[in-house]
Every structure is written in structure tokens, then in C-alpha cells.
Amino acid sequence: ITVSGFQVINGAQTVYSVYKSYKEAKPRDRRIMNN
């Protein structure tokens, strides 16, 4: 969906943790994360 003015106000550490984990994951692990 499209949203405007999206601003994370609580959970920024979670957003970064997810980003970092996904970025560093192997393709197989990314598929597991996706599912």
C-alpha cells in the first residue's frame, strides 16, 4: 500500500536490527526470514 509521511516513532532499534540481519543474511536465510 502507499502511505504518506511515514515516520517511525517507536521501534527504530528494531528497524535497524531487521535491516542489518537481512543485509548480512545468506540467500537461504533470507528466504526463511521472508516466510
All heavy atoms as atom14 arrays in JSON, in Angstrom:
{
  "sequence": "ITVSGFQVINGAQTVYSVYKSYKEAKPRDRRIMNN",
  "atom14_mask": [
    [1, 1, 1, 1, 1, 1, 1, 1, 0, 0, 0, 0, 0, 0],
    [1, 1, 1, 1, 1, 1, 1, 0, 0, 0, 0, 0, 0, 0],
    [1, 1, 1, 1, 1, 1, 1, 0, 0, 0, 0, 0, 0, 0],
    [1, 1, 1, 1, 1, 1, 0, 0, 0, 0, 0, 0, 0, 0],
    [1, 1, 1, 1, 0, 0, 0, 0, 0, 0, 0, 0, 0, 0],
    [1, 1, 1, 1, 1, 1, 1, 1, 1, 1, 1, 0, 0, 0],
    [1, 1, 1, 1, 1, 1, 1, 1, 1, 0, 0, 0, 0, 0],
    [1, 1, 1, 1, 1, 1, 1, 0, 0, 0, 0, 0, 0, 0],
    [1, 1, 1, 1, 1, 1, 1, 1, 0, 0, 0, 0, 0, 0],
    [1, 1, 1, 1, 1, 1, 1, 1, 0, 0, 0, 0, 0, 0],
    [1, 1, 1, 1, 0, 0, 0, 0, 0, 0, 0, 0, 0, 0],
    [1, 1, 1, 1, 1, 0, 0, 0, 0, 0, 0, 0, 0, 0],
    [1, 1, 1, 1, 1, 1, 1, 1, 1, 0, 0, 0, 0, 0],
    [1, 1, 1, 1, 1, 1, 1, 0, 0, 0, 0, 0, 0, 0],
    [1, 1, 1, 1, 1, 1, 1, 0, 0, 0, 0, 0, 0, 0],
    [1, 1, 1, 1, 1, 1, 1, 1, 1, 1, 1, 1, 0, 0],
    [1, 1, 1, 1, 1, 1, 0, 0, 0, 0, 0, 0, 0, 0],
    [1, 1, 1, 1, 1, 1, 1, 0, 0, 0, 0, 0, 0, 0],
    [1, 1, 1, 1, 1, 1, 1, 1, 1, 1, 1, 1, 0, 0],
    [1, 1, 1, 1, 1, 1, 1, 1, 1, 0, 0, 0, 0, 0],
    [1, 1, 1, 1, 1, 1, 0, 0, 0, 0, 0, 0, 0, 0],
    [1, 1, 1, 1, 1, 1, 1, 1, 1, 1, 1, 1, 0, 0],
    [1, 1, 1, 1, 1, 1, 1, 1, 1, 0, 0, 0, 0, 0],
    [1, 1, 1, 1, 1, 1, 1, 1, 1, 0, 0, 0, 0, 0],
    [1, 1, 1, 1, 1, 0, 0, 0, 0, 0, 0, 0, 0, 0],
    [1, 1, 1, 1, 1, 1, 1, 1, 1, 0, 0, 0, 0, 0],
    [1, 1, 1, 1, 1, 1, 1, 0, 0, 0, 0, 0, 0, 0],
    [1, 1, 1, 1, 1, 1, 1, 1, 1, 1, 1, 0, 0, 0],
    [1, 1, 1, 1, 1, 1, 1, 1, 0, 0, 0, 0, 0, 0],
    [1, 1, 1, 1, 1, 1, 1, 1, 1, 1, 1, 0, 0, 0],
    [1, 1, 1, 1, 1, 1, 1, 1, 1, 1, 1, 0, 0, 0],
    [1, 1, 1, 1, 1, 1, 1, 1, 0, 0, 0, 0, 0, 0],
    [1, 1, 1, 1, 1, 1, 1, 1, 0, 0, 0, 0, 0, 0],
    [1, 1, 1, 1, 1, 1, 1, 1, 0, 0, 0, 0, 0, 0],
    [1, 1, 1, 1, 1, 1, 1, 1, 0, 0, 0, 0, 0, 0]
  ],
  "atom14_positions": [
    [[0.87, -1.18, 0.0], [0.0, 0.0, 0.0], [0.9, 1.23, 0.0], [2.09, 1.14, 0.33], [-0.96, 0.05, 1.21], [-0.18, 0.12, 2.53], [-1.92, -1.13, 1.21], [-1.03, 0.45, 3.73], [0.0, 0.0, 0.0], [0.0, 0.0, 0.0], [0.0, 0.0, 0.0], [0.0, 0.0, 0.0], [0.0, 0.0, 0.0], [0.0, 0.0, 0.0]],
    [[0.35, 2.37, -0.35], [1.09, 3.62, -0.34], [0.63, 4.47, 0.84], [-0.57, 4.66, 1.02], [0.86, 4.39, -1.66], [1.31, 3.57, -2.74], [1.63, 5.69, -1.66], [0.0, 0.0, 0.0], [0.0, 0.0, 0.0], [0.0, 0.0, 0.0], [0.0, 0.0, 0.0], [0.0, 0.0, 0.0], [0.0, 0.0, 0.0], [0.0, 0.0, 0.0]],
    [[1.59, 4.92, 1.63], [1.29, 5.83, 2.74], [2.12, 7.09, 2.55], [3.16, 7.05, 1.88], [1.58, 5.2, 4.12], [0.71, 3.99, 4.37], [3.03, 4.83, 4.26], [0.0, 0.0, 0.0], [0.0, 0.0, 0.0], [0.0, 0.0, 0.0], [0.0, 0.0, 0.0], [0.0, 0.0, 0.0], [0.0, 0.0, 0.0], [0.0, 0.0, 0.0]],
    [[1.68, 8.18, 3.13], [2.42, 9.44, 3.05], [2.86, 9.85, 4.43], [2.14, 9.65, 5.41], [1.52, 10.54, 2.46], [1.12, 10.21, 1.17], [0.0, 0.0, 0.0], [0.0, 0.0, 0.0], [0.0, 0.0, 0.0], [0.0, 0.0, 0.0], [0.0, 0.0, 0.0], [0.0, 0.0, 0.0], [0.0, 0.0, 0.0], [0.0, 0.0, 0.0]],
    [[4.03, 10.46, 4.53], [4.51, 10.98, 5.8], [4.8, 9.91, 6.84], [4.64, 10.15, 8.02], [0.0, 0.0, 0.0], [0.0, 0.0, 0.0], [0.0, 0.0, 0.0], [0.0, 0.0, 0.0], [0.0, 0.0, 0.0], [0.0, 0.0, 0.0], [0.0, 0.0, 0.0], [0.0, 0.0, 0.0], [0.0, 0.0, 0.0], [0.0, 0.0, 0.0]],
    [[5.24, 8.73, 6.41], [5.54, 7.62, 7.31], [6.7, 7.99, 8.22], [7.77, 8.37, 7.75], [5.88, 6.38, 6.48], [6.08, 5.12, 7.27], [5.01, 4.28, 7.51], [7.32, 4.78, 7.76], [5.18, 3.1, 8.23], [7.51, 3.61, 8.48], [6.43, 2.77, 8.72], [0.0, 0.0, 0.0], [0.0, 0.0, 0.0], [0.0, 0.0, 0.0]],
    [[6.5, 7.89, 9.54], [7.54, 8.22, 10.5], [7.52, 7.22, 11.65], [6.53, 7.1, 12.36], [7.32, 9.63, 11.05], [8.35, 10.06, 12.05], [8.06, 11.44, 12.62], [7.02, 12.02, 12.41], [9.01, 11.96, 13.36], [0.0, 0.0, 0.0], [0.0, 0.0, 0.0], [0.0, 0.0, 0.0], [0.0, 0.0, 0.0], [0.0, 0.0, 0.0]],
    [[8.62, 6.48, 11.82], [8.75, 5.55, 12.94], [8.97, 6.37, 14.2], [9.89, 7.18, 14.27], [9.93, 4.57, 12.73], [10.14, 3.71, 13.97], [9.68, 3.69, 11.51], [0.0, 0.0, 0.0], [0.0, 0.0, 0.0], [0.0, 0.0, 0.0], [0.0, 0.0, 0.0], [0.0, 0.0, 0.0], [0.0, 0.0, 0.0], [0.0, 0.0, 0.0]],
    [[8.1, 6.15, 15.21], [8.24, 6.89, 16.46], [8.65, 5.99, 17.61], [9.05, 6.47, 18.67], [6.95, 7.66, 16.82], [5.78, 6.71, 17.0], [6.67, 8.74, 15.79], [4.58, 7.33, 17.66], [0.0, 0.0, 0.0], [0.0, 0.0, 0.0], [0.0, 0.0, 0.0], [0.0, 0.0, 0.0], [0.0, 0.0, 0.0], [0.0, 0.0, 0.0]],
    [[8.54, 4.69, 17.43], [8.99, 3.74, 18.44], [9.34, 2.45, 17.71], [8.55, 1.93, 16.96], [7.9, 3.48, 19.48], [8.4, 2.6, 20.61], [8.42, 1.38, 20.48], [8.79, 3.21, 21.71], [0.0, 0.0, 0.0], [0.0, 0.0, 0.0], [0.0, 0.0, 0.0], [0.0, 0.0, 0.0], [0.0, 0.0, 0.0], [0.0, 0.0, 0.0]],
    [[10.55, 1.98, 17.93], [10.99, 0.75, 17.28], [12.11, 0.96, 16.29], [12.39, 0.1, 15.48], [0.0, 0.0, 0.0], [0.0, 0.0, 0.0], [0.0, 0.0, 0.0], [0.0, 0.0, 0.0], [0.0, 0.0, 0.0], [0.0, 0.0, 0.0], [0.0, 0.0, 0.0], [0.0, 0.0, 0.0], [0.0, 0.0, 0.0], [0.0, 0.0, 0.0]],
    [[12.78, 2.1, 16.38], [13.88, 2.36, 15.44], [15.0, 1.33, 15.59], [15.6, 0.92, 14.6], [14.43, 3.77, 15.64], [0.0, 0.0, 0.0], [0.0, 0.0, 0.0], [0.0, 0.0, 0.0], [0.0, 0.0, 0.0], [0.0, 0.0, 0.0], [0.0, 0.0, 0.0], [0.0, 0.0, 0.0], [0.0, 0.0, 0.0], [0.0, 0.0, 0.0]],
    [[15.27, 0.88, 16.82], [16.28, -0.15, 17.02], [15.86, -1.45, 16.34], [16.68, -2.16, 15.76], [16.53, -0.39, 18.51], [17.23, 0.77, 19.17], [17.34, 0.58, 20.67], [16.47, -0.01, 21.3], [18.42, 1.09, 21.24], [0.0, 0.0, 0.0], [0.0, 0.0, 0.0], [0.0, 0.0, 0.0], [0.0, 0.0, 0.0], [0.0, 0.0, 0.0]],
    [[14.57, -1.75, 16.39], [14.05, -2.95, 15.73], [14.23, -2.83, 14.22], [14.66, -3.77, 13.56], [12.57, -3.16, 16.08], [12.46, -3.34, 17.49], [11.98, -4.34, 15.35], [0.0, 0.0, 0.0], [0.0, 0.0, 0.0], [0.0, 0.0, 0.0], [0.0, 0.0, 0.0], [0.0, 0.0, 0.0], [0.0, 0.0, 0.0], [0.0, 0.0, 0.0]],
    [[13.89, -1.68, 13.67], [14.04, -1.46, 12.22], [15.49, -1.68, 11.82], [15.77, -2.38, 10.84], [13.58, -0.04, 11.82], [13.94, 0.27, 10.38], [12.09, 0.13, 12.04], [0.0, 0.0, 0.0], [0.0, 0.0, 0.0], [0.0, 0.0, 0.0], [0.0, 0.0, 0.0], [0.0, 0.0, 0.0], [0.0, 0.0, 0.0], [0.0, 0.0, 0.0]],
    [[16.43, -1.13, 12.59], [17.84, -1.29, 12.25], [18.28, -2.75, 12.4], [19.02, -3.26, 11.56], [18.72, -0.38, 13.11], [20.18, -0.52, 12.75], [20.67, 0.01, 11.55], [21.06, -1.21, 13.56], [21.99, -0.14, 11.19], [22.38, -1.37, 13.22], [22.85, -0.83, 12.04], [24.16, -0.99, 11.67], [0.0, 0.0, 0.0], [0.0, 0.0, 0.0]],
    [[17.82, -3.42, 13.44], [18.19, -4.82, 13.65], [17.71, -5.69, 12.5], [18.44, -6.57, 12.02], [17.62, -5.35, 14.96], [18.2, -4.71, 16.05], [0.0, 0.0, 0.0], [0.0, 0.0, 0.0], [0.0, 0.0, 0.0], [0.0, 0.0, 0.0], [0.0, 0.0, 0.0], [0.0, 0.0, 0.0], [0.0, 0.0, 0.0], [0.0, 0.0, 0.0]],
    [[16.48, -5.47, 12.06], [15.94, -6.24, 10.94], [16.74, -5.95, 9.68], [17.13, -6.86, 8.95], [14.44, -5.93, 10.74], [13.93, -6.5, 9.43], [13.63, -6.44, 11.92], [0.0, 0.0, 0.0], [0.0, 0.0, 0.0], [0.0, 0.0, 0.0], [0.0, 0.0, 0.0], [0.0, 0.0, 0.0], [0.0, 0.0, 0.0], [0.0, 0.0, 0.0]],
    [[16.99, -4.67, 9.42], [17.77, -4.28, 8.24], [19.15, -4.95, 8.24], [19.56, -5.55, 7.25], [17.91, -2.76, 8.19], [19.02, -2.29, 7.29], [18.85, -2.27, 5.9], [20.23, -1.86, 7.81], [19.88, -1.86, 5.07], [21.26, -1.45, 6.99], [21.08, -1.44, 5.62], [22.09, -1.03, 4.8], [0.0, 0.0, 0.0], [0.0, 0.0, 0.0]],
    [[19.85, -4.84, 9.38], [21.21, -5.38, 9.46], [21.21, -6.91, 9.32], [22.03, -7.46, 8.6], [21.83, -4.98, 10.8], [23.28, -5.37, 10.92], [23.87, -4.87, 12.21], [25.31, -5.36, 12.3], [25.85, -5.23, 13.63], [0.0, 0.0, 0.0], [0.0, 0.0, 0.0], [0.0, 0.0, 0.0], [0.0, 0.0, 0.0], [0.0, 0.0, 0.0]],
    [[20.27, -7.57, 9.99], [20.19, -9.03, 9.9], [19.91, -9.48, 8.48], [20.51, -10.43, 7.98], [19.1, -9.56, 10.83], [19.42, -9.3, 12.15], [0.0, 0.0, 0.0], [0.0, 0.0, 0.0], [0.0, 0.0, 0.0], [0.0, 0.0, 0.0], [0.0, 0.0, 0.0], [0.0, 0.0, 0.0], [0.0, 0.0, 0.0], [0.0, 0.0, 0.0]],
    [[18.99, -8.81, 7.82], [18.61, -9.18, 6.46], [19.76, -8.92, 5.49], [20.06, -9.73, 4.62], [17.36, -8.41, 6.04], [16.64, -9.03, 4.87], [15.79, -10.11, 5.05], [16.8, -8.53, 3.59], [15.12, -10.68, 3.99], [16.14, -9.09, 2.52], [15.3, -10.17, 2.72], [14.64, -10.74, 1.66], [0.0, 0.0, 0.0], [0.0, 0.0, 0.0]],
    [[20.41, -7.78, 5.67], [21.53, -7.42, 4.8], [22.67, -8.43, 4.89], [23.29, -8.77, 3.89], [22.03, -6.02, 5.17], [23.19, -5.53, 4.34], [23.62, -4.17, 4.81], [24.9, -3.75, 4.11], [25.46, -2.54, 4.66], [0.0, 0.0, 0.0], [0.0, 0.0, 0.0], [0.0, 0.0, 0.0], [0.0, 0.0, 0.0], [0.0, 0.0, 0.0]],
    [[22.93, -8.93, 6.1], [24.06, -9.83, 6.32], [23.69, -11.3, 6.1], [24.57, -12.16, 6.11], [24.6, -9.63, 7.74], [25.21, -8.26, 7.93], [25.6, -7.96, 9.37], [25.37, -8.83, 10.25], [26.11, -6.85, 9.62], [0.0, 0.0, 0.0], [0.0, 0.0, 0.0], [0.0, 0.0, 0.0], [0.0, 0.0, 0.0], [0.0, 0.0, 0.0]],
    [[22.42, -11.6, 5.91], [21.97, -12.99, 5.79], [22.32, -13.58, 4.42], [22.35, -12.87, 3.41], [20.47, -13.08, 6.02], [0.0, 0.0, 0.0], [0.0, 0.0, 0.0], [0.0, 0.0, 0.0], [0.0, 0.0, 0.0], [0.0, 0.0, 0.0], [0.0, 0.0, 0.0], [0.0, 0.0, 0.0], [0.0, 0.0, 0.0], [0.0, 0.0, 0.0]],
    [[22.54, -14.88, 4.42], [22.73, -15.61, 3.18], [21.37, -15.75, 2.49], [20.32, -15.66, 3.14], [23.32, -16.98, 3.47], [24.7, -16.91, 4.07], [25.21, -18.27, 4.45], [26.6, -18.1, 5.05], [27.03, -19.22, 5.82], [0.0, 0.0, 0.0], [0.0, 0.0, 0.0], [0.0, 0.0, 0.0], [0.0, 0.0, 0.0], [0.0, 0.0, 0.0]],
    [[21.36, -15.97, 1.17], [20.08, -16.1, 0.44], [19.12, -17.11, 1.07], [17.92, -16.85, 1.18], [20.5, -16.51, -0.96], [21.87, -15.93, -1.12], [22.5, -16.03, 0.25], [0.0, 0.0, 0.0], [0.0, 0.0, 0.0], [0.0, 0.0, 0.0], [0.0, 0.0, 0.0], [0.0, 0.0, 0.0], [0.0, 0.0, 0.0], [0.0, 0.0, 0.0]],
    [[19.64, -18.24, 1.52], [18.79, -19.26, 2.14], [18.13, -18.71, 3.41], [16.95, -18.9, 3.65], [19.61, -20.51, 2.48], [18.83, -21.59, 3.19], [19.77, -22.72, 3.66], [19.1, -23.61, 4.57], [18.92, -23.39, 5.87], [19.37, -22.28, 6.42], [18.3, -24.26, 6.63], [0.0, 0.0, 0.0], [0.0, 0.0, 0.0], [0.0, 0.0, 0.0]],
    [[18.91, -18.01, 4.23], [18.39, -17.44, 5.47], [17.38, -16.32, 5.18], [16.42, -16.14, 5.92], [19.52, -16.93, 6.35], [20.39, -18.07, 6.88], [19.85, -19.19, 7.05], [21.58, -17.84, 7.13], [0.0, 0.0, 0.0], [0.0, 0.0, 0.0], [0.0, 0.0, 0.0], [0.0, 0.0, 0.0], [0.0, 0.0, 0.0], [0.0, 0.0, 0.0]],
    [[17.61, -15.56, 4.12], [16.64, -14.52, 3.74], [15.3, -15.14, 3.37], [14.25, -14.61, 3.71], [17.17, -13.7, 2.56], [18.23, -12.72, 2.95], [18.59, -11.84, 1.77], [19.62, -10.91, 2.16], [20.04, -9.93, 1.38], [19.54, -9.78, 0.16], [20.98, -9.11, 1.79], [0.0, 0.0, 0.0], [0.0, 0.0, 0.0], [0.0, 0.0, 0.0]],
    [[15.34, -16.27, 2.67], [14.07, -16.95, 2.33], [13.33, -17.38, 3.59], [12.13, -17.25, 3.69], [14.33, -18.14, 1.41], [14.65, -17.75, -0.03], [14.65, -18.93, -0.97], [15.65, -19.95, -0.65], [16.94, -19.88, -1.03], [17.37, -18.86, -1.73], [17.77, -20.84, -0.7], [0.0, 0.0, 0.0], [0.0, 0.0, 0.0], [0.0, 0.0, 0.0]],
    [[14.08, -17.88, 4.57], [13.46, -18.27, 5.84], [12.87, -17.03, 6.53], [11.74, -17.08, 7.02], [14.49, -18.97, 6.76], [14.88, -20.32, 6.15], [13.92, -19.16, 8.16], [16.06, -20.99, 6.84], [0.0, 0.0, 0.0], [0.0, 0.0, 0.0], [0.0, 0.0, 0.0], [0.0, 0.0, 0.0], [0.0, 0.0, 0.0], [0.0, 0.0, 0.0]],
    [[13.62, -15.94, 6.56], [13.12, -14.71, 7.17], [11.84, -14.24, 6.47], [10.87, -13.84, 7.13], [14.17, -13.6, 7.09], [15.34, -13.79, 7.97], [16.52, -12.43, 7.67], [17.85, -12.9, 8.74], [0.0, 0.0, 0.0], [0.0, 0.0, 0.0], [0.0, 0.0, 0.0], [0.0, 0.0, 0.0], [0.0, 0.0, 0.0], [0.0, 0.0, 0.0]],
    [[11.85, -14.29, 5.15], [10.68, -13.85, 4.39], [9.44, -14.66, 4.74], [8.33, -14.12, 4.75], [10.94, -13.97, 2.88], [11.95, -12.97, 2.38], [12.24, -11.98, 3.03], [12.51, -13.25, 1.22], [0.0, 0.0, 0.0], [0.0, 0.0, 0.0], [0.0, 0.0, 0.0], [0.0, 0.0, 0.0], [0.0, 0.0, 0.0], [0.0, 0.0, 0.0]],
    [[9.61, -15.94, 5.02], [8.48, -16.82, 5.28], [8.1, -16.94, 6.75], [6.96, -17.25, 7.06], [8.75, -18.22, 4.71], [8.8, -18.22, 3.2], [8.05, -17.51, 2.56], [9.7, -19.0, 2.64], [0.0, 0.0, 0.0], [0.0, 0.0, 0.0], [0.0, 0.0, 0.0], [0.0, 0.0, 0.0], [0.0, 0.0, 0.0], [0.0, 0.0, 0.0]]
  ]
}
